[in-house]
Every structure is written in structure tokens, then in C-alpha cells.
C-alpha atoms as a PDB file:
ATOM      1  CA  MET A   1     -39.172 -73.645-110.624  1.00  0.00           C
ATOM      2  CA  ALA A   2     -40.504 -73.435-107.037  1.00  0.00           C
ATOM      3  CA  ALA A   3     -43.553 -75.452-108.058  1.00  0.00           C
ATOM      4  CA  VAL A   4     -41.334 -78.134-109.579  1.00  0.00           C
ATOM      5  CA  MET A   5     -39.246 -78.309-106.391  1.00  0.00           C
ATOM      6  CA  ALA A   6     -42.364 -78.490-104.210  1.00  0.00           C
ATOM      7  CA  LEU A   7     -43.797 -81.223-106.413  1.00  0.00           C
ATOM      8  CA  SER A   8     -40.505 -83.082-106.185  1.00  0.00           C
ATOM      9  CA  ALA A   9     -40.593 -82.965-102.389  1.00  0.00           C
ATOM     10  CA  THR A  10     -44.198 -84.111-102.338  1.00  0.00           C
ATOM     11  CA  LEU A  11     -43.614 -87.114-104.545  1.00  0.00           C
ATOM     12  CA  THR A  12     -40.111 -88.312-103.847  1.00  0.00           C
ATOM     13  CA  GLY A  13     -39.337 -87.410-100.241  1.00  0.00           C
ATOM     14  CA  PRO A  14     -36.624 -84.922 -99.275  1.00  0.00           C
ATOM     15  CA  LEU A  15     -36.248 -81.863-101.459  1.00  0.00           C
ATOM     16  CA  VAL A  16     -33.362 -82.102-103.903  1.00  0.00           C
ATOM     17  CA  LEU A  17     -32.521 -78.913-105.745  1.00  0.00           C
ATOM     18  CA  PRO A  18     -32.676 -79.591-109.479  1.00  0.00           C
ATOM     19  CA  GLY A  19     -29.448 -78.930-111.326  1.00  0.00           C
ATOM     20  CA  THR A  20     -30.744 -79.511-114.839  1.00  0.00           C
ATOM     21  CA  GLN A  21     -33.886 -79.665-116.945  1.00  0.00           C
ATOM     22  CA  ALA A  22     -33.497 -83.451-116.842  1.00  0.00           C
ATOM     23  CA  HIS A  23     -34.600 -83.387-113.199  1.00  0.00           C
ATOM     24  CA  ALA A  24     -37.944 -81.838-114.203  1.00  0.00           C
ATOM     25  CA  ALA A  25     -38.388 -84.663-116.718  1.00  0.00           C
ATOM     26  CA  GLU A  26     -37.694 -87.220-113.945  1.00  0.00           C
ATOM     27  CA  ILE A  27     -40.400 -85.601-111.812  1.00  0.00           C
ATOM     28  CA  ALA A  28     -42.856 -85.784-114.704  1.00  0.00           C
ATOM     29  CA  VAL A  29     -42.104 -89.502-115.106  1.00  0.00           C
ATOM     30  CA  THR A  30     -42.557 -90.043-111.351  1.00  0.00           C
ATOM     31  CA  VAL A  31     -45.931 -88.255-111.388  1.00  0.00           C
ATOM     32  CA  ARG A  32     -47.019 -90.217-114.439  1.00  0.00           C
ATOM     33  CA  GLU A  33     -46.057 -93.549-112.853  1.00  0.00           C
ATOM     34  CA  ARG A  34     -47.673 -92.670-109.526  1.00  0.00           C
ATOM     35  CA  LEU A  35     -50.968 -91.582-111.087  1.00  0.00           C
ATOM     36  CA  SER A  36     -51.007 -94.720-113.254  1.00  0.00           C
ATOM     37  CA  ASN A  37     -51.769 -96.643-110.047  1.00  0.00           C
ATOM     38  CA  TYR A  38     -55.123 -94.807-109.811  1.00  0.00           C
ATOM     39  CA  GLY A  39     -56.169 -94.358-113.430  1.00  0.00           C
ATOM     40  CA  GLY A  40     -54.888 -94.304-116.984  1.00  0.00           C
ATOM     41  CA  TRP A  41     -53.248 -91.908-119.407  1.00  0.00           C
ATOM     42  CA  ARG A  42     -55.166 -91.135-122.587  1.00  0.00           C
ATOM     43  CA  THR A  43     -54.988 -88.724-125.497  1.00  0.00           C
ATOM     44  CA  SER A  44     -57.919 -86.318-125.620  1.00  0.00           C
ATOM     45  CA  ALA A  45     -58.856 -84.720-128.942  1.00  0.00           C
ATOM     46  CA  ARG A  46     -59.272 -81.375-127.164  1.00  0.00           C
ATOM     47  CA  PHE A  47     -56.749 -81.440-124.309  1.00  0.00           C
ATOM     48  CA  GLY A  48     -53.961 -83.739-125.517  1.00  0.00           C
ATOM     49  CA  ASP A  49     -52.283 -86.014-122.948  1.00  0.00           C
ATOM     50  CA  VAL A  50     -54.611 -86.412-119.939  1.00  0.00           C
ATOM     51  CA  TRP A  51     -54.984 -88.617-116.890  1.00  0.00           C
ATOM     52  CA  VAL A  52     -58.368 -90.317-116.336  1.00  0.00           C
ATOM     53  CA  PRO A  53     -58.964 -91.461-112.739  1.00  0.00           C
ATOM     54  CA  SER A  54     -60.476 -94.881-112.031  1.00  0.00           C
ATOM     55  CA  VAL A  55     -63.532 -93.671-110.116  1.00  0.00           C
ATOM     56  CA  ARG A  56     -67.270 -94.314-109.970  1.00  0.00           C
ATOM     57  CA  THR A  57     -69.415 -92.843-112.767  1.00  0.00           C
ATOM     58  CA  GLU A  58     -71.011 -90.062-110.680  1.00  0.00           C
ATOM     59  CA  TRP A  59     -67.655 -88.895-109.236  1.00  0.00           C
ATOM     60  CA  ARG A  60     -66.686 -85.221-109.553  1.00  0.00           C
ATOM     61  CA  PRO A  61     -63.353 -83.540-108.706  1.00  0.00           C
ATOM     62  CA  TYR A  62     -63.101 -81.726-105.372  1.00  0.00           C
ATOM     63  CA  THR A  63     -65.728 -83.804-103.563  1.00  0.00           C
ATOM     64  CA  GLU A  64     -63.815 -86.401-101.552  1.00  0.00           C
ATOM     65  CA  GLY A  65     -62.062 -84.406 -98.874  1.00  0.00           C
ATOM     66  CA  ARG A  66     -62.583 -81.051 -97.215  1.00  0.00           C
ATOM     67  CA  TRP A  67     -62.004 -77.315 -97.579  1.00  0.00           C
ATOM     68  CA  VAL A  68     -59.540 -75.796 -95.107  1.00  0.00           C
ATOM     69  CA  TRP A  69     -58.990 -72.048 -94.775  1.00  0.00           C
ATOM     70  CA  THR A  70     -55.280 -71.084 -94.975  1.00  0.00           C
ATOM     71  CA  ASP A  71     -53.245 -67.922 -95.511  1.00  0.00           C
ATOM     72  CA  ASP A  72     -53.293 -68.844 -99.222  1.00  0.00           C
ATOM     73  CA  GLY A  73     -57.095 -69.108 -99.335  1.00  0.00           C
ATOM     74  CA  TRP A  74     -59.358 -72.149 -99.400  1.00  0.00           C
ATOM     75  CA  TYR A  75     -57.128 -75.220 -99.636  1.00  0.00           C
ATOM     76  CA  TRP A  76     -58.531 -78.542-100.868  1.00  0.00           C
ATOM     77  CA  GLN A  77     -57.439 -81.375 -98.559  1.00  0.00           C
ATOM     78  CA  SER A  78     -58.258 -84.530-100.487  1.00  0.00           C
ATOM     79  CA  THR A  79     -58.801 -87.974 -98.987  1.00  0.00           C
ATOM     80  CA  GLU A  80     -57.984 -89.568-102.348  1.00  0.00           C
ATOM     81  CA  PRO A  81     -54.519 -91.147-102.749  1.00  0.00           C
ATOM     82  CA  PHE A  82     -53.809 -89.023-105.839  1.00  0.00           C
ATOM     83  CA  GLY A  83     -55.173 -85.766-104.410  1.00  0.00           C
ATOM     84  CA  ASP A  84     -51.920 -84.093-103.363  1.00  0.00           C
ATOM     85  CA  VAL A  85     -50.945 -83.811-107.029  1.00  0.00           C
ATOM     86  CA  VAL A  86     -54.112 -83.404-109.091  1.00  0.00           C
ATOM     87  CA  TYR A  87     -55.868 -80.788-106.954  1.00  0.00           C
ATOM     88  CA  HIS A  88     -52.881 -78.465-106.588  1.00  0.00           C
ATOM     89  CA  TYR A  89     -51.074 -78.778-109.938  1.00  0.00           C
ATOM     90  CA  GLY A  90     -52.760 -78.831-113.337  1.00  0.00           C
ATOM     91  CA  ARG A  91     -56.454 -78.503-114.148  1.00  0.00           C
ATOM     92  CA  TRP A  92     -59.557 -80.644-114.455  1.00  0.00           C
ATOM     93  CA  ALA A  93     -61.830 -80.638-117.476  1.00  0.00           C
ATOM     94  CA  TYR A  94     -64.762 -82.695-118.642  1.00  0.00           C
ATOM     95  CA  ASP A  95     -64.058 -84.601-121.837  1.00  0.00           C
ATOM     96  CA  PRO A  96     -67.027 -86.086-123.730  1.00  0.00           C
ATOM     97  CA  ASP A  97     -65.035 -89.241-124.517  1.00  0.00           C
ATOM     98  CA  PHE A  98     -63.455 -89.918-121.106  1.00  0.00           C
ATOM     99  CA  GLY A  99     -65.429 -87.975-118.489  1.00  0.00           C
ATOM    100  CA  TRP A 100     -63.357 -86.020-115.975  1.00  0.00           C
ATOM    101  CA  VAL A 101     -59.715 -85.706-117.027  1.00  0.00           C
ATOM    102  CA  TRP A 102     -56.717 -84.074-115.393  1.00  0.00           C
ATOM    103  CA  ILE A 103     -54.355 -81.971-117.502  1.00  0.00           C
ATOM    104  CA  ALA A 104     -50.892 -81.826-115.922  1.00  0.00           C
ATOM    105  CA  GLY A 105     -49.412 -78.492-114.890  1.00  0.00           C
ATOM    106  CA  ASP A 106     -46.475 -77.252-112.837  1.00  0.00           C
ATOM    107  CA  GLN A 107     -47.998 -74.234-111.088  1.00  0.00           C
ATOM    108  CA  TRP A 108     -49.209 -74.811-107.499  1.00  0.00           C
ATOM    109  CA  ALA A 109     -52.449 -73.435-106.040  1.00  0.00           C
ATOM    110  CA  PRO A 110     -54.433 -74.286-102.898  1.00  0.00           C
ATOM    111  CA  ALA A 111     -57.174 -75.397-105.324  1.00  0.00           C
ATOM    112  CA  TRP A 112     -57.987 -74.691-108.973  1.00  0.00           C
ATOM    113  CA  VAL A 113     -61.684 -73.862-108.652  1.00  0.00           C
ATOM    114  CA  VAL A 114     -64.255 -71.167-109.380  1.00  0.00           C
ATOM    115  CA  TRP A 115     -66.721 -70.260-106.596  1.00  0.00           C
ATOM    116  CA  ARG A 116     -70.445 -69.367-106.508  1.00  0.00           C
ATOM    117  CA  GLN A 117     -72.549 -68.227-103.567  1.00  0.00           C
ATOM    118  CA  GLY A 118     -76.109 -67.206-102.883  1.00  0.00           C
ATOM    119  CA  GLY A 119     -78.729 -67.680-100.205  1.00  0.00           C
ATOM    120  CA  ASN A 120     -77.590 -70.526 -97.989  1.00  0.00           C
ATOM    121  CA  ASP A 121     -75.465 -72.249-100.628  1.00  0.00           C
ATOM    122  CA  VAL A 122     -71.827 -72.060-101.637  1.00  0.00           C
ATOM    123  CA  GLY A 123     -70.457 -73.965-104.610  1.00  0.00           C
ATOM    124  CA  TRP A 124     -67.330 -74.648-106.600  1.00  0.00           C
ATOM    125  CA  ALA A 125     -66.370 -76.129-109.938  1.00  0.00           C
ATOM    126  CA  PRO A 126     -62.963 -77.046-111.344  1.00  0.00           C
ATOM    127  CA  ALA A 127     -61.395 -74.039-113.079  1.00  0.00           C
ATOM    128  CA  PRO A 128     -60.975 -75.046-116.724  1.00  0.00           C
ATOM    129  CA  PRO A 129     -57.556 -75.132-118.400  1.00  0.00           C
ATOM    130  CA  ASP A 130     -58.482 -72.309-120.786  1.00  0.00           C
ATOM    131  CA  VAL A 131     -61.097 -69.593-121.164  1.00  0.00           C
ATOM    132  CA  GLY A 132     -62.739 -71.318-124.126  1.00  0.00           C
ATOM    133  CA  VAL A 133     -64.304 -73.967-121.879  1.00  0.00           C
ATOM    134  CA  ALA A 134     -67.939 -73.319-120.929  1.00  0.00           C
ATOM    135  CA  PHE A 135     -69.240 -74.559-117.572  1.00  0.00           C
ATOM    136  CA  ASP A 136     -71.993 -77.144-117.419  1.00  0.00           C
ATOM    137  CA  ASP A 137     -74.377 -76.967-114.433  1.00  0.00           C
ATOM    138  CA  ALA A 138     -73.458 -80.567-113.547  1.00  0.00           C
ATOM    139  CA  TRP A 139     -69.817 -79.611-112.945  1.00  0.00           C
ATOM    140  CA  TRP A 140     -70.720 -77.561-109.875  1.00  0.00           C
ATOM    141  CA  CYS A 141     -70.754 -78.892-106.321  1.00  0.00           C
ATOM    142  CA  PHE A 142     -72.917 -77.106-103.746  1.00  0.00           C
ATOM    143  CA  VAL A 143     -73.182 -77.380 -99.977  1.00  0.00           C
ATOM    144  CA  PRO A 144     -74.944 -75.314 -97.326  1.00  0.00           C
ATOM    145  CA  VAL A 145     -72.651 -72.409 -96.356  1.00  0.00           C
ATOM    146  CA  ALA A 146     -72.419 -73.760 -92.800  1.00  0.00           C
ATOM    147  CA  ALA A 147     -71.021 -77.067 -94.147  1.00  0.00           C
ATOM    148  CA  ILE A 148     -68.114 -75.665 -96.188  1.00  0.00           C
ATOM    149  CA  GLY A 149     -65.590 -76.961 -93.627  1.00  0.00           C
ATOM    150  CA  ALA A 150     -67.198 -80.394 -93.181  1.00  0.00           C
ATOM    151  CA  VAL A 151     -64.619 -83.141 -92.721  1.00  0.00           C
ATOM    152  CA  ASP A 152     -66.328 -85.571 -95.125  1.00  0.00           C
ATOM    153  CA  LEU A 153     -67.712 -83.114 -97.667  1.00  0.00           C
ATOM    154  CA  VAL A 154     -68.906 -85.764-100.132  1.00  0.00           C
ATOM    155  CA  ARG A 155     -71.666 -86.619 -97.631  1.00  0.00           C
ATOM    156  CA  VAL A 156     -73.128 -83.084 -97.682  1.00  0.00           C
ATOM    157  CA  VAL A 157     -72.688 -82.127-101.347  1.00  0.00           C
ATOM    158  CA  ARG A 158     -76.145 -81.524-102.763  1.00  0.00           C
ATOM    159  CA  PRO A 159     -77.328 -83.937-105.489  1.00  0.00           C
ATOM    160  CA  VAL A 160     -76.305 -82.748-108.945  1.00  0.00           C
ATOM    161  CA  GLN A 161     -79.999 -82.764-109.959  1.00  0.00           C
ATOM    162  CA  GLU A 162     -80.505 -79.720-107.674  1.00  0.00           C
ATOM    163  CA  ASN A 163     -77.844 -77.669-109.490  1.00  0.00           C
ATOM    164  CA  VAL A 164     -80.209 -76.125-112.062  1.00  0.00           C
ATOM    165  CA  VAL A 165     -82.252 -74.441-109.315  1.00  0.00           C
ATOM    166  CA  ILE A 166     -79.226 -73.544-107.180  1.00  0.00           C
ATOM    167  CA  MET A 167     -77.446 -71.990-110.178  1.00  0.00           C
ATOM    168  CA  ARG A 168     -80.337 -69.534-110.630  1.00  0.00           C
ATOM    169  CA  ASN A 169     -79.960 -68.416-107.008  1.00  0.00           C
ATOM    170  CA  THR A 170     -76.175 -68.034-106.860  1.00  0.00           C
ATOM    171  CA  THR A 171     -73.579 -65.799-108.495  1.00  0.00           C
ATOM    172  CA  ILE A 172     -69.891 -66.171-109.304  1.00  0.00           C
ATOM    173  CA  ILE A 173     -67.588 -64.965-106.533  1.00  0.00           C
ATOM    174  CA  ASN A 174     -64.890 -62.819-108.073  1.00  0.00           C
ATOM    175  CA  GLN A 175     -63.156 -61.987-104.832  1.00  0.00           C
ATOM    176  CA  THR A 176     -62.622 -63.654-101.468  1.00  0.00           C
ATOM    177  CA  VAL A 177     -61.980 -61.249 -98.584  1.00  0.00           C
ATOM    178  CA  VAL A 178     -60.446 -62.106 -95.208  1.00  0.00           C
ATOM    179  CA  VAL A 179     -62.537 -60.605 -92.396  1.00  0.00           C
ATOM    180  CA  ASN A 180     -60.616 -59.265 -89.356  1.00  0.00           C
ATOM    181  CA  ASN A 181     -57.616 -61.400 -90.313  1.00  0.00           C
ATOM    182  CA  ALA A 182     -59.475 -64.374 -88.829  1.00  0.00           C
ATOM    183  CA  PRO A 183     -59.954 -67.790 -90.410  1.00  0.00           C
ATOM    184  CA  ARG A 184     -63.320 -66.671 -91.794  1.00  0.00           C
ATOM    185  CA  VAL A 185     -64.021 -65.376 -95.239  1.00  0.00           C
ATOM    186  CA  ARG A 186     -66.719 -63.268 -96.748  1.00  0.00           C
ATOM    187  CA  LEU A 187     -68.340 -65.141 -99.618  1.00  0.00           C
ATOM    188  CA  GLY A 188     -70.488 -62.534-101.302  1.00  0.00           C
ATOM    189  CA  ASN A 189     -72.569 -61.070 -98.470  1.00  0.00           C
ATOM    190  CA  GLN A 190     -72.144 -64.098 -96.207  1.00  0.00           C
ATOM    191  CA  VAL A 191     -69.391 -64.541 -93.622  1.00  0.00           C
ATOM    192  CA  VAL A 192     -68.261 -68.128 -93.213  1.00  0.00           C
END
């Protein structure tokens, strides 16, 4: 319910406490209409009703914007006009028919991603909507550890062709630890 209220405030202005289930349906219609300005709604054989953004072919989620450390963890601050919804509610998946698709959800998170780290690289990939989805190397985005907070991250993301080598030298991060309660985190053995 809190996620629905937060989404309502994000999309329609002042927060109005929902009195009925009908209000949640109104929010869903508002989100659907708003996202239609930046892509189209399709039916995926695997994921059902999905939103497909109108973006360039080589686009990947979580690349146009920046990572910001918050009390809730790494928060994705998108520069895309649809980013406040699709990076904090719902999940991204790669569909063979449509490319990257967004599956709507009502639970908020600072970002729905999985992290990897090793050597001088840190990377992330959209967390899939279910455990039955295997990760492809091309879904990962990697940057030098020192660049994780870059304002225009898309400019420093390593080319996807380098992912095969980087994947061999990085491991999944299962836990992010705050160091000295400062806005730094320990990613594996590296403090950022």
C-alpha cells in the first residue's frame, strides 16, 4: 500500500490517500498512459503485459543516469523521462521478440539490480522478475570502481564486447556493507 501511495505522489502530484481498490486501478492507468509517451505496451509470450521503451538498439536499462549512495543503498537516479517509475517499481527483462521490456510492479526499491565486482571493475544488471531467468553477459554494465558515482554514467560504461573478459574477473556481490556509517560502501574487498 505504501508503494502505491508513493507511486501516486510521484505521478499525479500531491499524495491522496486511497480509499478503495479503484484508486490503485486509476494509478495503473496513469502509469500506463504516461509510459505510452515513451514506448509501447506489448504482450510477451513469457512475461505477459510489458512496456517496451522507444530507445536506440544498443540501449540497456540503468545506463542513462547515475548511482547515488543513500540510506537505502545505491539509488538509480535516471536522466530518462520515464526513469522515476521503471527503475524503482517493477523489473526489467530481456525478451527475444522485443528486446528490453519492463514488467510493472508495485514494490519500491532504490534500484532492482544485481551487482558484480572484481579488480578495478564494478558492474550491475537488471534483477530479473523471477529466478528462472538466466543472465546473459551482455546484460551487465561495468565501469571502473572509481567511476561508480559519475554524473553521466553512460559515457564511462565499458563496451558490452568487454563483458566476457570482465565477467571472468568479477564475482556476484551478495552483500553491501556500509563502512563507518559514511557514504562509502564496501563492494567485495574494495571500498568505494
